[in-house]
Amino acid sequence: MIYSFESLATHELNVYAKANDANVFHYSDSYGYEIDAIVQKRNGSYAAFEIKLGVGYIDEAAENLKRFATNIDITKMDVPKTLNIITGTGMSYRRPDGINVISLASLGK
């Protein structure tokens, strides 16, 4: 079921990315860092997304995003414009650490 939710969220990100002349990618590197979705515009700016069905995984997803952002080699690429977690339930809000928690239902608004 989690993979189905991740596929749905990635599909929604693709719809909005295409409408804004952007692309969606999956990120993984040789250090073992993995991010569910990167939405990148033509100018190179991008946002990172972790996709978690339940709100019980938000803290874990936030830590993963922060590790990813702090390990970017800024000589090769910019840091992400935003760090985001898409969830299946709950309200959308910004955490005190600046990471956005976005309910899937609010993506289309």
PDB file of N, CA and C in Angstrom:
ATOM      1  N   MET A   1       0.823  -1.195   0.000  1.00  0.00           N
ATOM      2  CA  MET A   1       0.000   0.000   0.000  1.00  0.00           C
ATOM      3  C   MET A   1       0.863   1.254   0.000  1.00  0.00           C
ATOM      4  N   ILE A   2       1.985   1.236   0.690  1.00  0.00           N
ATOM      5  CA  ILE A   2       2.851   2.408   0.724  1.00  0.00           C
ATOM      6  C   ILE A   2       3.356   2.731  -0.674  1.00  0.00           C
ATOM      7  N   TYR A   3       3.722   1.697  -1.441  1.00  0.00           N
ATOM      8  CA  TYR A   3       4.220   1.946  -2.789  1.00  0.00           C
ATOM      9  C   TYR A   3       3.128   2.547  -3.660  1.00  0.00           C
ATOM     10  N   SER A   4       1.877   2.144  -3.453  1.00  0.00           N
ATOM     11  CA  SER A   4       0.772   2.725  -4.205  1.00  0.00           C
ATOM     12  C   SER A   4       0.627   4.204  -3.882  1.00  0.00           C
ATOM     13  N   PHE A   5       0.741   4.559  -2.605  1.00  0.00           N
ATOM     14  CA  PHE A   5       0.644   5.968  -2.227  1.00  0.00           C
ATOM     15  C   PHE A   5       1.801   6.764  -2.808  1.00  0.00           C
ATOM     16  N   GLU A   6       2.997   6.197  -2.756  1.00  0.00           N
ATOM     17  CA  GLU A   6       4.161   6.891  -3.318  1.00  0.00           C
ATOM     18  C   GLU A   6       3.993   7.103  -4.826  1.00  0.00           C
ATOM     19  N   SER A   7       3.450   6.109  -5.507  1.00  0.00           N
ATOM     20  CA  SER A   7       3.206   6.238  -6.946  1.00  0.00           C
ATOM     21  C   SER A   7       2.181   7.331  -7.233  1.00  0.00           C
ATOM     22  N   LEU A   8       1.107   7.377  -6.441  1.00  0.00           N
ATOM     23  CA  LEU A   8       0.081   8.408  -6.611  1.00  0.00           C
ATOM     24  C   LEU A   8       0.666   9.798  -6.385  1.00  0.00           C
ATOM     25  N   ALA A   9       1.426   9.961  -5.313  1.00  0.00           N
ATOM     26  CA  ALA A   9       2.023  11.261  -5.012  1.00  0.00           C
ATOM     27  C   ALA A   9       3.010  11.676  -6.102  1.00  0.00           C
ATOM     28  N   THR A  10       3.802  10.735  -6.590  1.00  0.00           N
ATOM     29  CA  THR A  10       4.752  11.031  -7.662  1.00  0.00           C
ATOM     30  C   THR A  10       4.013  11.417  -8.938  1.00  0.00           C
ATOM     31  N   HIS A  11       2.906  10.740  -9.224  1.00  0.00           N
ATOM     32  CA  HIS A  11       2.092  11.099 -10.385  1.00  0.00           C
ATOM     33  C   HIS A  11       1.591  12.536 -10.257  1.00  0.00           C
ATOM     34  N   GLU A  12       1.079  12.884  -9.091  1.00  0.00           N
ATOM     35  CA  GLU A  12       0.589  14.252  -8.876  1.00  0.00           C
ATOM     36  C   GLU A  12       1.707  15.273  -9.039  1.00  0.00           C
ATOM     37  N   LEU A  13       2.887  14.965  -8.504  1.00  0.00           N
ATOM     38  CA  LEU A  13       4.029  15.861  -8.686  1.00  0.00           C
ATOM     39  C   LEU A  13       4.371  16.006 -10.163  1.00  0.00           C
ATOM     40  N   ASN A  14       4.297  14.920 -10.928  1.00  0.00           N
ATOM     41  CA  ASN A  14       4.563  14.981 -12.365  1.00  0.00           C
ATOM     42  C   ASN A  14       3.577  15.890 -13.079  1.00  0.00           C
ATOM     43  N   VAL A  15       2.313  15.807 -12.729  1.00  0.00           N
ATOM     44  CA  VAL A  15       1.294  16.663 -13.351  1.00  0.00           C
ATOM     45  C   VAL A  15       1.624  18.132 -13.111  1.00  0.00           C
ATOM     46  N   TYR A  16       1.922  18.496 -11.880  1.00  0.00           N
ATOM     47  CA  TYR A  16       2.208  19.889 -11.557  1.00  0.00           C
ATOM     48  C   TYR A  16       3.559  20.326 -12.114  1.00  0.00           C
ATOM     49  N   ALA A  17       4.514  19.423 -12.156  1.00  0.00           N
ATOM     50  CA  ALA A  17       5.828  19.752 -12.714  1.00  0.00           C
ATOM     51  C   ALA A  17       5.708  20.066 -14.198  1.00  0.00           C
ATOM     52  N   LYS A  18       5.022  19.229 -14.946  1.00  0.00           N
ATOM     53  CA  LYS A  18       4.869  19.451 -16.389  1.00  0.00           C
ATOM     54  C   LYS A  18       4.175  20.775 -16.673  1.00  0.00           C
ATOM     55  N   ALA A  19       3.193  21.120 -15.840  1.00  0.00           N
ATOM     56  CA  ALA A  19       2.477  22.384 -16.016  1.00  0.00           C
ATOM     57  C   ALA A  19       3.376  23.589 -15.730  1.00  0.00           C
ATOM     58  N   ASN A  20       4.492  23.366 -15.038  1.00  0.00           N
ATOM     59  CA  ASN A  20       5.405  24.454 -14.685  1.00  0.00           C
ATOM     60  C   ASN A  20       6.776  24.277 -15.325  1.00  0.00           C
ATOM     61  N   ASP A  21       6.817  23.548 -16.437  1.00  0.00           N
ATOM     62  CA  ASP A  21       8.042  23.344 -17.202  1.00  0.00           C
ATOM     63  C   ASP A  21       9.175  22.779 -16.333  1.00  0.00           C
ATOM     64  N   ALA A  22       8.827  21.739 -15.564  1.00  0.00           N
ATOM     65  CA  ALA A  22       9.797  21.089 -14.673  1.00  0.00           C
ATOM     66  C   ALA A  22       9.702  19.582 -14.870  1.00  0.00           C
ATOM     67  N   ASN A  23      10.636  18.867 -14.295  1.00  0.00           N
ATOM     68  CA  ASN A  23      10.665  17.408 -14.360  1.00  0.00           C
ATOM     69  C   ASN A  23      10.794  16.819 -12.971  1.00  0.00           C
ATOM     70  N   VAL A  24      10.371  15.571 -12.829  1.00  0.00           N
ATOM     71  CA  VAL A  24      10.453  14.866 -11.554  1.00  0.00           C
ATOM     72  C   VAL A  24      11.462  13.728 -11.693  1.00  0.00           C
ATOM     73  N   PHE A  25      12.356  13.633 -10.711  1.00  0.00           N
ATOM     74  CA  PHE A  25      13.377  12.595 -10.692  1.00  0.00           C
ATOM     75  C   PHE A  25      13.397  11.923  -9.332  1.00  0.00           C
ATOM     76  N   HIS A  26      13.936  10.726  -9.294  1.00  0.00           N
ATOM     77  CA  HIS A  26      14.230  10.042  -8.033  1.00  0.00           C
ATOM     78  C   HIS A  26      15.718  10.269  -7.763  1.00  0.00           C
ATOM     79  N   TYR A  27      16.110  10.423  -6.497  1.00  0.00           N
ATOM     80  CA  TYR A  27      17.512  10.674  -6.170  1.00  0.00           C
ATOM     81  C   TYR A  27      18.061   9.570  -5.283  1.00  0.00           C
ATOM     82  N   SER A  28      19.183   9.025  -5.676  1.00  0.00           N
ATOM     83  CA  SER A  28      19.959   8.147  -4.791  1.00  0.00           C
ATOM     84  C   SER A  28      21.424   8.315  -5.172  1.00  0.00           C
ATOM     85  N   ASP A  29      22.299   8.183  -4.182  1.00  0.00           N
ATOM     86  CA  ASP A  29      23.718   8.383  -4.469  1.00  0.00           C
ATOM     87  C   ASP A  29      24.560   7.273  -3.843  1.00  0.00           C
ATOM     88  N   SER A  30      25.847   7.364  -4.064  1.00  0.00           N
ATOM     89  CA  SER A  30      26.766   6.318  -3.595  1.00  0.00           C
ATOM     90  C   SER A  30      26.940   6.313  -2.078  1.00  0.00           C
ATOM     91  N   TYR A  31      26.474   7.350  -1.396  1.00  0.00           N
ATOM     92  CA  TYR A  31      26.554   7.401   0.060  1.00  0.00           C
ATOM     93  C   TYR A  31      25.328   6.774   0.720  1.00  0.00           C
ATOM     94  N   GLY A  32      24.374   6.335  -0.098  1.00  0.00           N
ATOM     95  CA  GLY A  32      23.178   5.714   0.444  1.00  0.00           C
ATOM     96  C   GLY A  32      22.031   6.676   0.682  1.00  0.00           C
ATOM     97  N   TYR A  33      22.196   7.950   0.330  1.00  0.00           N
ATOM     98  CA  TYR A  33      21.102   8.902   0.472  1.00  0.00           C
ATOM     99  C   TYR A  33      20.096   8.670  -0.638  1.00  0.00           C
ATOM    100  N   GLU A  34      18.822   8.699  -0.264  1.00  0.00           N
ATOM    101  CA  GLU A  34      17.753   8.497  -1.225  1.00  0.00           C
ATOM    102  C   GLU A  34      16.635   9.480  -0.912  1.00  0.00           C
ATOM    103  N   ILE A  35      16.144  10.139  -1.939  1.00  0.00           N
ATOM    104  CA  ILE A  35      15.029  11.063  -1.813  1.00  0.00           C
ATOM    105  C   ILE A  35      13.958  10.598  -2.787  1.00  0.00           C
ATOM    106  N   ASP A  36      12.707  10.558  -2.340  1.00  0.00           N
ATOM    107  CA  ASP A  36      11.634  10.008  -3.164  1.00  0.00           C
ATOM    108  C   ASP A  36      11.410  10.784  -4.450  1.00  0.00           C
ATOM    109  N   ALA A  37      11.482  12.115  -4.396  1.00  0.00           N
ATOM    110  CA  ALA A  37      11.242  12.904  -5.606  1.00  0.00           C
ATOM    111  C   ALA A  37      12.011  14.223  -5.543  1.00  0.00           C
ATOM    112  N   ILE A  38      12.579  14.566  -6.680  1.00  0.00           N
ATOM    113  CA  ILE A  38      13.198  15.875  -6.884  1.00  0.00           C
ATOM    114  C   ILE A  38      12.445  16.520  -8.035  1.00  0.00           C
ATOM    115  N   VAL A  39      11.892  17.689  -7.823  1.00  0.00           N
ATOM    116  CA  VAL A  39      11.227  18.435  -8.892  1.00  0.00           C
ATOM    117  C   VAL A  39      12.184  19.544  -9.292  1.00  0.00           C
ATOM    118  N   GLN A  40      12.627  19.488 -10.560  1.00  0.00           N
ATOM    119  CA  GLN A  40      13.647  20.429 -11.033  1.00  0.00           C
ATOM    120  C   GLN A  40      13.143  21.227 -12.226  1.00  0.00           C
ATOM    121  N   LYS A  41      13.327  22.552 -12.137  1.00  0.00           N
ATOM    122  CA  LYS A  41      12.992  23.443 -13.243  1.00  0.00           C
ATOM    123  C   LYS A  41      14.152  23.490 -14.233  1.00  0.00           C
ATOM    124  N   ARG A  42      13.897  24.036 -15.405  1.00  0.00           N
ATOM    125  CA  ARG A  42      14.935  24.130 -16.440  1.00  0.00           C
ATOM    126  C   ARG A  42      16.151  24.942 -15.993  1.00  0.00           C
ATOM    127  N   ASN A  43      15.928  25.931 -15.123  1.00  0.00           N
ATOM    128  CA  ASN A  43      17.041  26.768 -14.674  1.00  0.00           C
ATOM    129  C   ASN A  43      17.915  26.080 -13.638  1.00  0.00           C
ATOM    130  N   GLY A  44      17.570  24.844 -13.274  1.00  0.00           N
ATOM    131  CA  GLY A  44      18.371  24.069 -12.321  1.00  0.00           C
ATOM    132  C   GLY A  44      17.871  24.110 -10.899  1.00  0.00           C
ATOM    133  N   SER A  45      16.997  25.058 -10.562  1.00  0.00           N
ATOM    134  CA  SER A  45      16.486  25.102  -9.189  1.00  0.00           C
ATOM    135  C   SER A  45      15.577  23.887  -8.959  1.00  0.00           C
ATOM    136  N   TYR A  46      15.576  23.408  -7.738  1.00  0.00           N
ATOM    137  CA  TYR A  46      14.818  22.199  -7.455  1.00  0.00           C
ATOM    138  C   TYR A  46      14.312  22.172  -6.024  1.00  0.00           C
ATOM    139  N   ALA A  47      13.325  21.302  -5.802  1.00  0.00           N
ATOM    140  CA  ALA A  47      12.769  21.052  -4.478  1.00  0.00           C
ATOM    141  C   ALA A  47      12.843  19.550  -4.220  1.00  0.00           C
ATOM    142  N   ALA A  48      13.073  19.176  -2.983  1.00  0.00           N
ATOM    143  CA  ALA A  48      13.176  17.763  -2.603  1.00  0.00           C
ATOM    144  C   ALA A  48      11.925  17.349  -1.837  1.00  0.00           C
ATOM    145  N   PHE A  49      11.444  16.129  -2.126  1.00  0.00           N
ATOM    146  CA  PHE A  49      10.231  15.606  -1.505  1.00  0.00           C
ATOM    147  C   PHE A  49      10.456  14.203  -0.957  1.00  0.00           C
ATOM    148  N   GLU A  50      10.045  13.987   0.265  1.00  0.00           N
ATOM    149  CA  GLU A  50       9.903  12.651   0.822  1.00  0.00           C
ATOM    150  C   GLU A  50       8.406  12.382   0.855  1.00  0.00           C
ATOM    151  N   ILE A  51       8.005  11.161   0.567  1.00  0.00           N
ATOM    152  CA  ILE A  51       6.594  10.806   0.493  1.00  0.00           C
ATOM    153  C   ILE A  51       6.315   9.738   1.538  1.00  0.00           C
ATOM    154  N   LYS A  52       5.457  10.063   2.499  1.00  0.00           N
ATOM    155  CA  LYS A  52       5.140   9.155   3.607  1.00  0.00           C
ATOM    156  C   LYS A  52       3.637   9.101   3.794  1.00  0.00           C
ATOM    157  N   LEU A  53       3.084   7.900   3.791  1.00  0.00           N
ATOM    158  CA  LEU A  53       1.641   7.746   3.914  1.00  0.00           C
ATOM    159  C   LEU A  53       1.129   8.221   5.271  1.00  0.00           C
ATOM    160  N   GLY A  54       1.794   7.851   6.341  1.00  0.00           N
ATOM    161  CA  GLY A  54       1.317   8.185   7.675  1.00  0.00           C
ATOM    162  C   GLY A  54       2.103   9.308   8.325  1.00  0.00           C
ATOM    163  N   VAL A  55       1.454  10.023   9.219  1.00  0.00           N
ATOM    164  CA  VAL A  55       2.111  11.127   9.910  1.00  0.00           C
ATOM    165  C   VAL A  55       3.156  10.634  10.911  1.00  0.00           C
ATOM    166  N   GLY A  56       3.145   9.356  11.235  1.00  0.00           N
ATOM    167  CA  GLY A  56       4.123   8.790  12.166  1.00  0.00           C
ATOM    168  C   GLY A  56       5.542   8.770  11.618  1.00  0.00           C
ATOM    169  N   TYR A  57       5.696   9.000  10.333  1.00  0.00           N
ATOM    170  CA  TYR A  57       7.015   8.961   9.705  1.00  0.00           C
ATOM    171  C   TYR A  57       7.560  10.345   9.358  1.00  0.00           C
ATOM    172  N   ILE A  58       6.887  11.390   9.789  1.00  0.00           N
ATOM    173  CA  ILE A  58       7.291  12.748   9.415  1.00  0.00           C
ATOM    174  C   ILE A  58       8.665  13.104   9.969  1.00  0.00           C
ATOM    175  N   ASP A  59       8.923  12.804  11.224  1.00  0.00           N
ATOM    176  CA  ASP A  59      10.228  13.145  11.808  1.00  0.00           C
ATOM    177  C   ASP A  59      11.363  12.405  11.103  1.00  0.00           C
ATOM    178  N   GLU A  60      11.148  11.132  10.802  1.00  0.00           N
ATOM    179  CA  GLU A  60      12.154  10.348  10.082  1.00  0.00           C
ATOM    180  C   GLU A  60      12.407  10.935   8.681  1.00  0.00           C
ATOM    181  N   ALA A  61      11.345  11.308   7.999  1.00  0.00           N
ATOM    182  CA  ALA A  61      11.473  11.907   6.665  1.00  0.00           C
ATOM    183  C   ALA A  61      12.195  13.248   6.738  1.00  0.00           C
ATOM    184  N   ALA A  62      11.891  14.036   7.761  1.00  0.00           N
ATOM    185  CA  ALA A  62      12.544  15.339   7.927  1.00  0.00           C
ATOM    186  C   ALA A  62      14.046  15.168   8.151  1.00  0.00           C
ATOM    187  N   GLU A  63      14.423  14.202   8.975  1.00  0.00           N
ATOM    188  CA  GLU A  63      15.848  13.952   9.214  1.00  0.00           C
ATOM    189  C   GLU A  63      16.554  13.528   7.929  1.00  0.00           C
ATOM    190  N   ASN A  64      15.901  12.712   7.131  1.00  0.00           N
ATOM    191  CA  ASN A  64      16.480  12.284   5.859  1.00  0.00           C
ATOM    192  C   ASN A  64      16.683  13.477   4.923  1.00  0.00           C
ATOM    193  N   LEU A  65      15.696  14.354   4.842  1.00  0.00           N
ATOM    194  CA  LEU A  65      15.820  15.552   4.004  1.00  0.00           C
ATOM    195  C   LEU A  65      16.945  16.459   4.483  1.00  0.00           C
ATOM    196  N   LYS A  66      17.064  16.632   5.796  1.00  0.00           N
ATOM    197  CA  LYS A  66      18.125  17.484   6.330  1.00  0.00           C
ATOM    198  C   LYS A  66      19.508  16.893   6.066  1.00  0.00           C
ATOM    199  N   ARG A  67      19.647  15.575   6.215  1.00  0.00           N
ATOM    200  CA  ARG A  67      20.933  14.919   5.897  1.00  0.00           C
ATOM    201  C   ARG A  67      21.276  15.112   4.426  1.00  0.00           C
ATOM    202  N   PHE A  68      20.287  14.939   3.564  1.00  0.00           N
ATOM    203  CA  PHE A  68      20.487  15.141   2.133  1.00  0.00           C
ATOM    204  C   PHE A  68      20.971  16.562   1.852  1.00  0.00           C
ATOM    205  N   ALA A  69      20.280  17.554   2.401  1.00  0.00           N
ATOM    206  CA  ALA A  69      20.595  18.960   2.125  1.00  0.00           C
ATOM    207  C   ALA A  69      21.969  19.354   2.650  1.00  0.00           C
ATOM    208  N   THR A  70      22.380  18.809   3.776  1.00  0.00           N
ATOM    209  CA  THR A  70      23.679  19.182   4.331  1.00  0.00           C
ATOM    210  C   THR A  70      24.837  18.482   3.636  1.00  0.00           C
ATOM    211  N   ASN A  71      24.548  17.446   2.871  1.00  0.00           N
ATOM    212  CA  ASN A  71      25.610  16.722   2.181  1.00  0.00           C
ATOM    213  C   ASN A  71      25.719  17.052   0.699  1.00  0.00           C
ATOM    214  N   ILE A  72      24.997  18.076   0.252  1.00  0.00           N
ATOM    215  CA  ILE A  72      25.084  18.498  -1.153  1.00  0.00           C
ATOM    216  C   ILE A  72      26.446  19.148  -1.381  1.00  0.00           C
ATOM    217  N   ASP A  73      27.111  18.751  -2.440  1.00  0.00           N
ATOM    218  CA  ASP A  73      28.365  19.387  -2.855  1.00  0.00           C
ATOM    219  C   ASP A  73      28.000  20.641  -3.625  1.00  0.00           C
ATOM    220  N   ILE A  74      28.039  21.797  -2.959  1.00  0.00           N
ATOM    221  CA  ILE A  74      27.572  23.037  -3.591  1.00  0.00           C
ATOM    222  C   ILE A  74      28.479  23.506  -4.724  1.00  0.00           C
ATOM    223  N   THR A  75      29.616  22.867  -4.924  1.00  0.00           N
ATOM    224  CA  THR A  75      30.432  23.196  -6.100  1.00  0.00           C
ATOM    225  C   THR A  75      29.865  22.535  -7.350  1.00  0.00           C
ATOM    226  N   LYS A  76      29.002  21.529  -7.157  1.00  0.00           N
ATOM    227  CA  LYS A  76      28.428  20.812  -8.301  1.00  0.00           C
ATOM    228  C   LYS A  76      26.953  21.117  -8.512  1.00  0.00           C
ATOM    229  N   MET A  77      26.228  21.453  -7.459  1.00  0.00           N
ATOM    230  CA  MET A  77      24.811  21.774  -7.592  1.00  0.00           C
ATOM    231  C   MET A  77      24.367  22.659  -6.441  1.00  0.00           C
ATOM    232  N   ASP A  78      23.296  23.408  -6.672  1.00  0.00           N
ATOM    233  CA  ASP A  78      22.742  24.275  -5.643  1.00  0.00           C
ATOM    234  C   ASP A  78      22.021  23.447  -4.581  1.00  0.00           C
ATOM    235  N   VAL A  79      21.796  24.061  -3.457  1.00  0.00           N
ATOM    236  CA  VAL A  79      20.982  23.420  -2.423  1.00  0.00           C
ATOM    237  C   VAL A  79      19.522  23.503  -2.873  1.00  0.00           C
ATOM    238  N   PRO A  80      18.665  22.623  -2.370  1.00  0.00           N
ATOM    239  CA  PRO A  80      17.256  22.674  -2.775  1.00  0.00           C
ATOM    240  C   PRO A  80      16.579  23.964  -2.309  1.00  0.00           C
ATOM    241  N   LYS A  81      15.647  24.457  -3.129  1.00  0.00           N
ATOM    242  CA  LYS A  81      14.877  25.659  -2.758  1.00  0.00           C
ATOM    243  C   LYS A  81      13.989  25.377  -1.555  1.00  0.00           C
ATOM    244  N   THR A  82      13.377  24.186  -1.535  1.00  0.00           N
ATOM    245  CA  THR A  82      12.547  23.798  -0.395  1.00  0.00           C
ATOM    246  C   THR A  82      12.716  22.313  -0.117  1.00  0.00           C
ATOM    247  N   LEU A  83      12.479  21.953   1.128  1.00  0.00           N
ATOM    248  CA  LEU A  83      12.429  20.558   1.557  1.00  0.00           C
ATOM    249  C   LEU A  83      10.989  20.279   1.964  1.00  0.00           C
ATOM    250  N   ASN A  84      10.429  19.156   1.476  1.00  0.00           N
ATOM    251  CA  ASN A  84       9.003  18.912   1.634  1.00  0.00           C
ATOM    252  C   ASN A  84       8.721  17.451   1.945  1.00  0.00           C
ATOM    253  N   ILE A  85       7.666  17.238   2.717  1.00  0.00           N
ATOM    254  CA  ILE A  85       7.178  15.891   3.005  1.00  0.00           C
ATOM    255  C   ILE A  85       5.716  15.851   2.578  1.00  0.00           C
ATOM    256  N   ILE A  86       5.380  14.913   1.715  1.00  0.00           N
ATOM    257  CA  ILE A  86       3.987  14.729   1.308  1.00  0.00           C
ATOM    258  C   ILE A  86       3.413  13.588   2.137  1.00  0.00           C
ATOM    259  N   THR A  87       2.252  13.834   2.748  1.00  0.00           N
ATOM    260  CA  THR A  87       1.592  12.820   3.569  1.00  0.00           C
ATOM    261  C   THR A  87       0.199  12.533   3.022  1.00  0.00           C
ATOM    262  N   GLY A  88      -0.364  11.421   3.465  1.00  0.00           N
ATOM    263  CA  GLY A  88      -1.701  11.050   3.032  1.00  0.00           C
ATOM    264  C   GLY A  88      -2.796  11.605   3.913  1.00  0.00           C
ATOM    265  N   THR A  89      -2.425  12.073   5.080  1.00  0.00           N
ATOM    266  CA  THR A  89      -3.433  12.559   6.032  1.00  0.00           C
ATOM    267  C   THR A  89      -2.946  13.830   6.697  1.00  0.00           C
ATOM    268  N   GLY A  90      -3.837  14.469   7.414  1.00  0.00           N
ATOM    269  CA  GLY A  90      -3.464  15.635   8.206  1.00  0.00           C
ATOM    270  C   GLY A  90      -3.480  16.930   7.420  1.00  0.00           C
ATOM    271  N   MET A  91      -3.096  17.979   8.112  1.00  0.00           N
ATOM    272  CA  MET A  91      -3.075  19.318   7.529  1.00  0.00           C
ATOM    273  C   MET A  91      -1.692  19.627   6.974  1.00  0.00           C
ATOM    274  N   SER A  92      -1.654  20.590   6.082  1.00  0.00           N
ATOM    275  CA  SER A  92      -0.378  21.076   5.566  1.00  0.00           C
ATOM    276  C   SER A  92       0.129  22.177   6.483  1.00  0.00           C
ATOM    277  N   TYR A  93       1.436  22.193   6.723  1.00  0.00           N
ATOM    278  CA  TYR A  93       2.028  23.201   7.599  1.00  0.00           C
ATOM    279  C   TYR A  93       3.532  23.235   7.391  1.00  0.00           C
ATOM    280  N   ARG A  94       4.167  24.256   7.941  1.00  0.00           N
ATOM    281  CA  ARG A  94       5.622  24.353   7.918  1.00  0.00           C
ATOM    282  C   ARG A  94       6.140  24.051   9.316  1.00  0.00           C
ATOM    283  N   ARG A  95       7.071  23.116   9.382  1.00  0.00           N
ATOM    284  CA  ARG A  95       7.687  22.757  10.653  1.00  0.00           C
ATOM    285  C   ARG A  95       8.622  23.873  11.114  1.00  0.00           C
ATOM    286  N   PRO A  96       8.955  23.909  12.409  1.00  0.00           N
ATOM    287  CA  PRO A  96       9.908  24.911  12.913  1.00  0.00           C
ATOM    288  C   PRO A  96      11.273  24.853  12.218  1.00  0.00           C
ATOM    289  N   ASP A  97      11.664  23.682  11.684  1.00  0.00           N
ATOM    290  CA  ASP A  97      12.943  23.577  10.982  1.00  0.00           C
ATOM    291  C   ASP A  97      12.854  24.017   9.522  1.00  0.00           C
ATOM    292  N   GLY A  98      11.679  24.504   9.097  1.00  0.00           N
ATOM    293  CA  GLY A  98      11.506  25.036   7.749  1.00  0.00           C
ATOM    294  C   GLY A  98      11.043  24.024   6.718  1.00  0.00           C
ATOM    295  N   ILE A  99      10.894  22.774   7.101  1.00  0.00           N
ATOM    296  CA  ILE A  99      10.433  21.750   6.167  1.00  0.00           C
ATOM    297  C   ILE A  99       8.911  21.818   6.062  1.00  0.00           C
ATOM    298  N   ASN A 100       8.413  21.795   4.815  1.00  0.00           N
ATOM    299  CA  ASN A 100       6.975  21.835   4.572  1.00  0.00           C
ATOM    300  C   ASN A 100       6.394  20.430   4.646  1.00  0.00           C
ATOM    301  N   VAL A 101       5.294  20.289   5.377  1.00  0.00           N
ATOM    302  CA  VAL A 101       4.540  19.042   5.410  1.00  0.00           C
ATOM    303  C   VAL A 101       3.267  19.320   4.617  1.00  0.00           C
ATOM    304  N   ILE A 102       3.083  18.540   3.534  1.00  0.00           N
ATOM    305  CA  ILE A 102       2.019  18.831   2.582  1.00  0.00           C
ATOM    306  C   ILE A 102       1.085  17.634   2.487  1.00  0.00           C
ATOM    307  N   SER A 103      -0.183  17.861   2.753  1.00  0.00           N
ATOM    308  CA  SER A 103      -1.178  16.825   2.562  1.00  0.00           C
ATOM    309  C   SER A 103      -1.384  16.622   1.068  1.00  0.00           C
ATOM    310  N   LEU A 104      -1.458  15.382   0.615  1.00  0.00           N
ATOM    311  CA  LEU A 104      -1.650  15.100  -0.801  1.00  0.00           C
ATOM    312  C   LEU A 104      -2.882  15.827  -1.346  1.00  0.00           C
ATOM    313  N   ALA A 105      -3.919  15.927  -0.537  1.00  0.00           N
ATOM    314  CA  ALA A 105      -5.149  16.587  -0.972  1.00  0.00           C
ATOM    315  C   ALA A 105      -4.928  18.066  -1.288  1.00  0.00           C
ATOM    316  N   SER A 106      -3.939  18.684  -0.691  1.00  0.00           N
ATOM    317  CA  SER A 106      -3.714  20.122  -0.923  1.00  0.00           C
ATOM    318  C   SER A 106      -2.768  20.416  -2.088  1.00  0.00           C
ATOM    319  N   LEU A 107      -2.229  19.381  -2.727  1.00  0.00           N
ATOM    320  CA  LEU A 107      -1.318  19.614  -3.854  1.00  0.00           C
ATOM    321  C   LEU A 107      -2.004  20.328  -4.998  1.00  0.00           C
ATOM    322  N   GLY A 108      -3.269  20.050  -5.228  1.00  0.00           N
ATOM    323  CA  GLY A 108      -3.971  20.643  -6.358  1.00  0.00           C
ATOM    324  C   GLY A 108      -4.542  22.007  -6.091  1.00  0.00           C
ATOM    325  N   LYS A 109      -4.344  22.536  -4.936  1.00  0.00           N
ATOM    326  CA  LYS A 109      -4.954  23.822  -4.586  1.00  0.00           C
ATOM    327  C   LYS A 109      -4.020  24.965  -4.817  1.00  0.00           C
TER     328      LYS A 109
END
